[in-house]
Amino acid sequence: MTADSHKLWGGRFAAPTAHALDALNRSIGTDFRLWPFDIQLSQAWASALAEAGVLTEEERDQIRGGLDVVAEKLATGAQPEESDEDVHTMIDRMLHIEVGDPASRLHTGRSRNDQVATATRMWSMNAATKIDTAIRDLQRVMIDHADQLRTTLIPAYTHMQRAQPVSAAHWMLNHFWQLERDRTRIANAASAASSLPLGSGAIAGCAFPVSRDQIRNELGFSSVSQNSIDATGDRDFVADLLYATTMLGVHLSRLSEDLILYGSSEFGFVTFGDTFSTGSSMMPQKRNPDALEIARGSAGRMLGNLTSVVATIKGLPSGYNKDLQDDKRPMFDSVDTMLLVLPAVAGTLGELRFNAQRMRAALSSSMMATDLADYLVSKGTSFREAHGVVGMLVRNSETSGVELNHMPFTTFAAAHPSFDHDVFDWLSPDASVARRNVAGGTGPDAVDDQISAARAALGTAVRRLQLIP
């Protein structure tokens, strides 16, 4: 066959396509990875055509069997030829080699518009299950650490200033719940993709009585599209997946930033392990958290991919436009990146060691200032008044260089008559944490409940598609 003879279009043209346009139009370098899904949807389409009386049962079986052979060849390394414009053309060419004339009947009633939309949706649903699995692996590491850190205290920060003492498990679980929201967004993106466009044709629907519900059941979609114009031009599901991966990248960046700071000599709260750290080409003493830094840096690219797709979609008229050929490149990049970053972050966190003594040493009595105000409130003082009194005590502590818990009782008594000798019990970080047992707080019982809830959350997963091995 000549380069032009196997194109899925071209009968109305009297001259061959210019080489410059062929080079621009050729997308197989990007969409080749859609082949397992194109095989599956083509097999489902063959069965639907047979039910509609367009194919005989023998032709259906020849086509489905031929597609199995094509899949085996692709799985074992078959590569595109120069004439293959995209993966759909490549599979069609290979199917013709296997079964001959029946292959020419497969494209009846079908357009590459609904074909590529279907394959892309299937790929994105499968990607969502992989990302969900990788997130859950990281979350399990977080829960394991939280189990070990229940009674370990760490400073919590606001505005990057020491604020109040919390359980280190509570800090760890703060990142768990961010990832849990990411899992919800990933699941929603998979759900958005699970509307079958196949059967929509180029824009007006299929002229043959194919059962779209039959196709939906075979391919594992949850519904069929309601409008053929919308079905072929819709890429909201791509934007949804990109938004989900962007937020995932943001949350991995925040976790990484915490750990990078805590691993610095100035903090010393954590020590990085050997297998997920690198060294310096000049400074022998260095241990660099490269995986975390790459995770932090990748969030920007996730945002760029989302922006590029949304900016493309917003300027398009109804129906399919060739601009949408470039929807897959950013989607593939974001998914691939997250599937590299997530295991590396999980590995880094898994071998990380927490320095309980260093974290404890960072707890100053001024961090119990809110507890002192609460103490006065418990004695009948308004919080506004208590806030002012404790503020003066903190200023006294800073000026004198004496920690609050080392100041003489006379100083407290002079500040407010409601202070009694039990005030020093309220300056203990352990007591401060223990008092905060409200749901979602850092108290021991609340943290235990959080860990139980976190374990329960991991019991659900995004539905996995049945794929060609």
Foldseek 3Di string as FASTA:
>chain_A
DDLPPLDPDDPVDPDDDDPVVLVVQQQAVQAVVLLQVLLQLLLLLLVLCCVLVLDPPVLSVLQNVLSVVVVVCVVVPDDDDSSHRHNNSRSLVSSCVRRNPSSVSSCAQADVLLSVLQSVLLVLLQLLQLLQVLLLLLLVLLLVVLVVQLQFWFFDDDPNDGAAIFGVNLVSCVLVVLSLVLNVLSLVLNLVSLARLTQLHQFNGGPTPGDVVSSSVSFVRPYYDDGSQCSSLDPVSLLSNLVSLLSVLVSLLVVLVVVQVCCDPVQVFKDWDDPQWDADPPDRVDTHNVLSVVSNVCSVLSVVLSVVVVVLSVPDDIGDDSSCSPSRVSSVVSSVVSSVSSVSSSVRSNRMDGDSVSRVVPDALLSLLVLQLVQVVVLPDDSVLSNVLSVVVVVVCVVVVHTSLRDDVVVVCVSDVSDDPCSSVSSDSLVVQCVQLDQSGRHSVNSVVSSVVSVVSSVDGRDHTDTDD
